[in-house]
Amino acid sequence: MLAADQVSYSYRSSRSHGRPVLDRVSLAVRPGESLAVVGESGTGKTTLLRLLLGLARPTSGAVRFEGEELRPRDRAQLRRFRSAVQCVFQDPYASLDPRRRVGDTVAEPLRSLGLADRRAAVPRVAAALTAVGLPPEAAGRYPHEFSGGQRQRIAIARATVCDPRVLLADEPVSALDVTTRVKVVDLLHQLREERGLALVMVSHDLSVVASLCDRTAVLEGGRVVESGPTGAVLGAPEHPYTARLVASVPSLARSLPGG
């Protein structure tokens, strides 16, 4: 459904010296599947997410959606893509405009994509808020009136209000406390099961990856060094870098099948 095909990316700056941030990365997520992209800071995870979102173009290779290469100048394709692929960002405090009511924020994708006017958006916003465990009345309030976990639920409501087929998540629970983190992970799992969403999650939290994702790709130095079913990749890593990541989380074994 959504794929990176031999994607490379280099920043045009003197500091980078032409070194690629991503080097011939290939991965794909299928309908209803959850894929984690893991690695330490600086391995290219966020850059890859930007390419998958169509926010940047690869230096070489291609990002494909439904088998077709993304073409930024193809407005019809871009409209379909924006409707089908949405994102939840890391920081629930920074991703919501404090000056806008929650209802306007959640309705933003519907209105920007021309899927609903202000009146038609109201019931869809209410349904989206209910789906993430918030009352419809939350639409009339402002972000500062909610906790961090509730704000991330609002961000998820915004990302799912237009019924996307793919949800990209950039460290979606890293800014939350442990208890809230578990609840948001459970919510993402529930939405994926109920809606058949494909999920691509960038994360350094292997415990979250183990509990939520079917497959895992490990990035080191901008390259995929290992990929496969999450239980196999994290339970019996073959690459030394993956083994080091797993060893840094002693409690991980309890999150894996049979652990």
Foldseek 3Di string as FASTA:
>chain_A
DKKFAQFWADDPDPVRVRQTLAGGAIDDWDFLAEEEEADDPSLCLVVVVCQSLVVDPTPDTFIDDPRHGDDVVPVVVNLVSLLAEFEQEAFLVPVFDQVAFLLCLLCVSCVVSVVDDPVRSLVLLQVLCVLLPHHSVSRGHGPVVDDRLSSSSSSVSSRCSSPHQEYEYENHPPVDDPVSSVSVLVSVQVCSVVRRHYYYYYDLPLLSCLQHHQKYFYGGSNYGPDIDGSLCCLVPNDDPSSVVSNVVDVVNVVSHVVD
